[in-house]
Amino acid sequence: MPNQDAIRVVVIDDDEMVSDLTAMFLTQSGYSVHVATTGEKGIQLVRAVLPAVVLCDIEMRGTGGREVVEALRSDVSTRNIPIALMSGRLEPESFASGDAFISKPFSADDIVVTVKRLIASAQSRLKKDTAP
């Protein structure tokens, strides 16, 4: 059960072993983690949870990471949520639409550091946008 007071992160990956491992790394670091194993469910989950960060696999059956990013960026309620795309392939065009890239296989530090960096960047942007 996700911690209701913790910062929310959504993980979208159709490989349950990867999504479980990612969730474990983040939960151990104090985040409230919500997991979806398809792109379609991930989009719905992000819209329902409104997390601080989304981690999304690029290559999934059905709706892939690029389509997830397009759907979230076109929705006013989710367009500013930072998205880190994950992949075992290192093709820059594959992750150009995301805010960060995490190469598989990854370590706990890769995941946690990326999430912290994306949250800090989003908070900094928000402060600039609301400054007088």
C-alpha atoms as a PDB file:
ATOM      1  CA  MET A   1       0.000   0.000   0.000  1.00  0.00           C
ATOM      2  CA  PRO A   2       1.517   3.342  -1.032  1.00  0.00           C
ATOM      3  CA  ASN A   3       2.395   5.820   1.734  1.00  0.00           C
ATOM      4  CA  GLN A   4      -0.195   8.626   1.478  1.00  0.00           C
ATOM      5  CA  ASP A   5       2.215  11.308   2.777  1.00  0.00           C
ATOM      6  CA  ALA A   6       5.099  10.427   0.464  1.00  0.00           C
ATOM      7  CA  ILE A   7       5.890  11.956  -2.911  1.00  0.00           C
ATOM      8  CA  ARG A   8       4.035   9.973  -5.587  1.00  0.00           C
ATOM      9  CA  VAL A   9       5.815   8.300  -8.502  1.00  0.00           C
ATOM     10  CA  VAL A  10       4.171   6.266 -11.266  1.00  0.00           C
ATOM     11  CA  VAL A  11       6.160   3.454 -12.893  1.00  0.00           C
ATOM     12  CA  ILE A  12       4.933   2.159 -16.272  1.00  0.00           C
ATOM     13  CA  ASP A  13       6.656  -0.967 -17.562  1.00  0.00           C
ATOM     14  CA  ASP A  14       5.233  -4.135 -19.096  1.00  0.00           C
ATOM     15  CA  ASP A  15       8.070  -6.213 -17.614  1.00  0.00           C
ATOM     16  CA  GLU A  16       6.760  -6.918 -14.122  1.00  0.00           C
ATOM     17  CA  MET A  17      10.214  -7.830 -12.823  1.00  0.00           C
ATOM     18  CA  VAL A  18      11.532  -4.414 -13.891  1.00  0.00           C
ATOM     19  CA  SER A  19       8.511  -2.527 -12.536  1.00  0.00           C
ATOM     20  CA  ASP A  20       8.676  -4.419  -9.228  1.00  0.00           C
ATOM     21  CA  LEU A  21      12.411  -3.735  -8.875  1.00  0.00           C
ATOM     22  CA  THR A  22      11.934  -0.048  -9.728  1.00  0.00           C
ATOM     23  CA  ALA A  23       9.079   0.211  -7.230  1.00  0.00           C
ATOM     24  CA  MET A  24      11.196  -1.455  -4.547  1.00  0.00           C
ATOM     25  CA  PHE A  25      14.084   0.995  -5.080  1.00  0.00           C
ATOM     26  CA  LEU A  26      11.746   3.977  -4.835  1.00  0.00           C
ATOM     27  CA  THR A  27       9.711   2.653  -1.900  1.00  0.00           C
ATOM     28  CA  GLN A  28      12.921   2.046   0.045  1.00  0.00           C
ATOM     29  CA  SER A  29      13.788   5.696  -0.592  1.00  0.00           C
ATOM     30  CA  GLY A  30      10.469   6.869   0.855  1.00  0.00           C
ATOM     31  CA  TYR A  31       8.400   7.416  -2.283  1.00  0.00           C
ATOM     32  CA  SER A  32       4.795   6.338  -2.753  1.00  0.00           C
ATOM     33  CA  VAL A  33       4.923   4.162  -5.869  1.00  0.00           C
ATOM     34  CA  HIS A  34       2.059   3.241  -8.176  1.00  0.00           C
ATOM     35  CA  VAL A  35       2.699   0.691 -10.950  1.00  0.00           C
ATOM     36  CA  ALA A  36       1.020   0.091 -14.293  1.00  0.00           C
ATOM     37  CA  THR A  37       2.025  -2.756 -16.596  1.00  0.00           C
ATOM     38  CA  THR A  38       0.589  -1.310 -19.824  1.00  0.00           C
ATOM     39  CA  GLY A  39       0.786   2.094 -21.433  1.00  0.00           C
ATOM     40  CA  GLU A  40      -3.003   2.442 -21.443  1.00  0.00           C
ATOM     41  CA  LYS A  41      -3.268   1.685 -17.716  1.00  0.00           C
ATOM     42  CA  GLY A  42      -0.301   3.956 -17.079  1.00  0.00           C
ATOM     43  CA  ILE A  43      -2.002   6.941 -18.713  1.00  0.00           C
ATOM     44  CA  GLN A  44      -5.141   6.331 -16.630  1.00  0.00           C
ATOM     45  CA  LEU A  45      -3.073   5.911 -13.457  1.00  0.00           C
ATOM     46  CA  VAL A  46      -1.118   9.124 -14.020  1.00  0.00           C
ATOM     47  CA  ARG A  47      -4.351  11.046 -14.576  1.00  0.00           C
ATOM     48  CA  ALA A  48      -5.835   9.590 -11.374  1.00  0.00           C
ATOM     49  CA  VAL A  49      -2.768   9.891  -9.105  1.00  0.00           C
ATOM     50  CA  LEU A  50      -1.118  13.064 -10.524  1.00  0.00           C
ATOM     51  CA  PRO A  51       2.370  11.994  -9.440  1.00  0.00           C
ATOM     52  CA  ALA A  52       5.451  14.165  -9.044  1.00  0.00           C
ATOM     53  CA  VAL A  53       7.316  12.009 -11.606  1.00  0.00           C
ATOM     54  CA  VAL A  54       6.573   9.277 -14.160  1.00  0.00           C
ATOM     55  CA  LEU A  55       9.069   6.552 -15.091  1.00  0.00           C
ATOM     56  CA  CYS A  56       8.036   4.876 -18.338  1.00  0.00           C
ATOM     57  CA  ASP A  57       9.500   2.112 -20.478  1.00  0.00           C
ATOM     58  CA  ILE A  58       9.821   3.078 -24.132  1.00  0.00           C
ATOM     59  CA  GLU A  59       9.135  -0.294 -25.723  1.00  0.00           C
ATOM     60  CA  MET A  60       5.937  -1.920 -24.481  1.00  0.00           C
ATOM     61  CA  ARG A  61       3.287  -4.054 -26.125  1.00  0.00           C
ATOM     62  CA  GLY A  62       0.348  -1.923 -27.217  1.00  0.00           C
ATOM     63  CA  THR A  63       0.752   1.702 -26.211  1.00  0.00           C
ATOM     64  CA  GLY A  64       4.492   2.404 -25.969  1.00  0.00           C
ATOM     65  CA  GLY A  65       6.417   5.060 -24.091  1.00  0.00           C
ATOM     66  CA  ARG A  66       6.309   7.629 -26.881  1.00  0.00           C
ATOM     67  CA  GLU A  67       2.510   7.373 -27.051  1.00  0.00           C
ATOM     68  CA  VAL A  68       2.286   7.636 -23.258  1.00  0.00           C
ATOM     69  CA  VAL A  69       4.349  10.845 -23.365  1.00  0.00           C
ATOM     70  CA  GLU A  70       2.184  12.269 -26.175  1.00  0.00           C
ATOM     71  CA  ALA A  71      -1.021  11.508 -24.251  1.00  0.00           C
ATOM     72  CA  LEU A  72       0.284  13.007 -21.003  1.00  0.00           C
ATOM     73  CA  ARG A  73       1.714  16.111 -22.716  1.00  0.00           C
ATOM     74  CA  SER A  74      -1.601  16.770 -24.481  1.00  0.00           C
ATOM     75  CA  ASP A  75      -3.579  16.704 -21.214  1.00  0.00           C
ATOM     76  CA  VAL A  76      -3.593  19.992 -19.283  1.00  0.00           C
ATOM     77  CA  SER A  77      -3.670  18.147 -15.942  1.00  0.00           C
ATOM     78  CA  THR A  78      -0.554  16.058 -16.694  1.00  0.00           C
ATOM     79  CA  ARG A  79       1.493  18.052 -19.221  1.00  0.00           C
ATOM     80  CA  ASN A  80       3.953  19.436 -16.654  1.00  0.00           C
ATOM     81  CA  ILE A  81       4.689  16.154 -14.887  1.00  0.00           C
ATOM     82  CA  PRO A  82       8.337  15.196 -15.530  1.00  0.00           C
ATOM     83  CA  ILE A  83       8.772  11.916 -17.394  1.00  0.00           C
ATOM     84  CA  ALA A  84      11.871   9.720 -17.415  1.00  0.00           C
ATOM     85  CA  LEU A  85      11.925   7.202 -20.241  1.00  0.00           C
ATOM     86  CA  MET A  86      13.647   3.853 -19.694  1.00  0.00           C
ATOM     87  CA  SER A  87      15.165   1.528 -22.282  1.00  0.00           C
ATOM     88  CA  GLY A  88      17.877  -1.001 -22.910  1.00  0.00           C
ATOM     89  CA  ARG A  89      18.574   0.711 -26.229  1.00  0.00           C
ATOM     90  CA  LEU A  90      20.636   3.861 -26.467  1.00  0.00           C
ATOM     91  CA  GLU A  91      19.011   5.581 -29.426  1.00  0.00           C
ATOM     92  CA  PRO A  92      18.691   9.321 -28.651  1.00  0.00           C
ATOM     93  CA  GLU A  93      15.638   9.736 -30.878  1.00  0.00           C
ATOM     94  CA  SER A  94      13.876   7.109 -28.763  1.00  0.00           C
ATOM     95  CA  PHE A  95      13.812   9.271 -25.658  1.00  0.00           C
ATOM     96  CA  ALA A  96      13.806  12.795 -27.056  1.00  0.00           C
ATOM     97  CA  SER A  97      10.249  13.422 -25.860  1.00  0.00           C
ATOM     98  CA  GLY A  98      11.027  12.692 -22.212  1.00  0.00           C
ATOM     99  CA  ASP A  99      12.668  14.863 -19.566  1.00  0.00           C
ATOM    100  CA  ALA A 100      15.297  12.245 -18.689  1.00  0.00           C
ATOM    101  CA  PHE A 101      16.563   8.865 -19.820  1.00  0.00           C
ATOM    102  CA  ILE A 102      17.410   5.829 -17.686  1.00  0.00           C
ATOM    103  CA  SER A 103      19.391   3.096 -19.371  1.00  0.00           C
ATOM    104  CA  LYS A 104      18.523  -0.524 -18.583  1.00  0.00           C
ATOM    105  CA  PRO A 105      19.928  -2.320 -16.737  1.00  0.00           C
ATOM    106  CA  PHE A 106      19.939   0.311 -14.009  1.00  0.00           C
ATOM    107  CA  SER A 107      20.909   0.587 -10.369  1.00  0.00           C
ATOM    108  CA  ALA A 108      18.898   1.869  -7.435  1.00  0.00           C
ATOM    109  CA  ASP A 109      21.016   5.030  -7.557  1.00  0.00           C
ATOM    110  CA  ASP A 110      20.197   5.577 -11.251  1.00  0.00           C
ATOM    111  CA  ILE A 111      16.479   5.518 -10.436  1.00  0.00           C
ATOM    112  CA  VAL A 112      16.526   7.519  -7.205  1.00  0.00           C
ATOM    113  CA  VAL A 113      18.954  10.190  -8.443  1.00  0.00           C
ATOM    114  CA  THR A 114      16.909  10.708 -11.625  1.00  0.00           C
ATOM    115  CA  VAL A 115      13.656  11.035  -9.664  1.00  0.00           C
ATOM    116  CA  LYS A 116      15.229  13.528  -7.224  1.00  0.00           C
ATOM    117  CA  ARG A 117      16.683  15.563 -10.109  1.00  0.00           C
ATOM    118  CA  LEU A 118      13.352  15.685 -11.953  1.00  0.00           C
ATOM    119  CA  ILE A 119      11.472  16.740  -8.808  1.00  0.00           C
ATOM    120  CA  ALA A 120      14.021  19.488  -8.062  1.00  0.00           C
ATOM    121  CA  SER A 121      13.852  20.723 -11.660  1.00  0.00           C
ATOM    122  CA  ALA A 122      10.029  20.775 -11.616  1.00  0.00           C
ATOM    123  CA  GLN A 123       9.992  22.660  -8.311  1.00  0.00           C
ATOM    124  CA  SER A 124      12.487  25.182  -9.669  1.00  0.00           C
ATOM    125  CA  ARG A 125      10.335  25.734 -12.791  1.00  0.00           C
ATOM    126  CA  LEU A 126       7.247  26.169 -10.628  1.00  0.00           C
ATOM    127  CA  LYS A 127       8.972  28.810  -8.490  1.00  0.00           C
ATOM    128  CA  LYS A 128      10.043  30.716 -11.609  1.00  0.00           C
ATOM    129  CA  ASP A 129       6.534  30.517 -13.050  1.00  0.00           C
ATOM    130  CA  THR A 130       4.921  31.848  -9.858  1.00  0.00           C
ATOM    131  CA  ALA A 131       7.504  34.537  -9.059  1.00  0.00           C
ATOM    132  CA  PRO A 132       6.193  38.128  -9.242  1.00  0.00           C
END
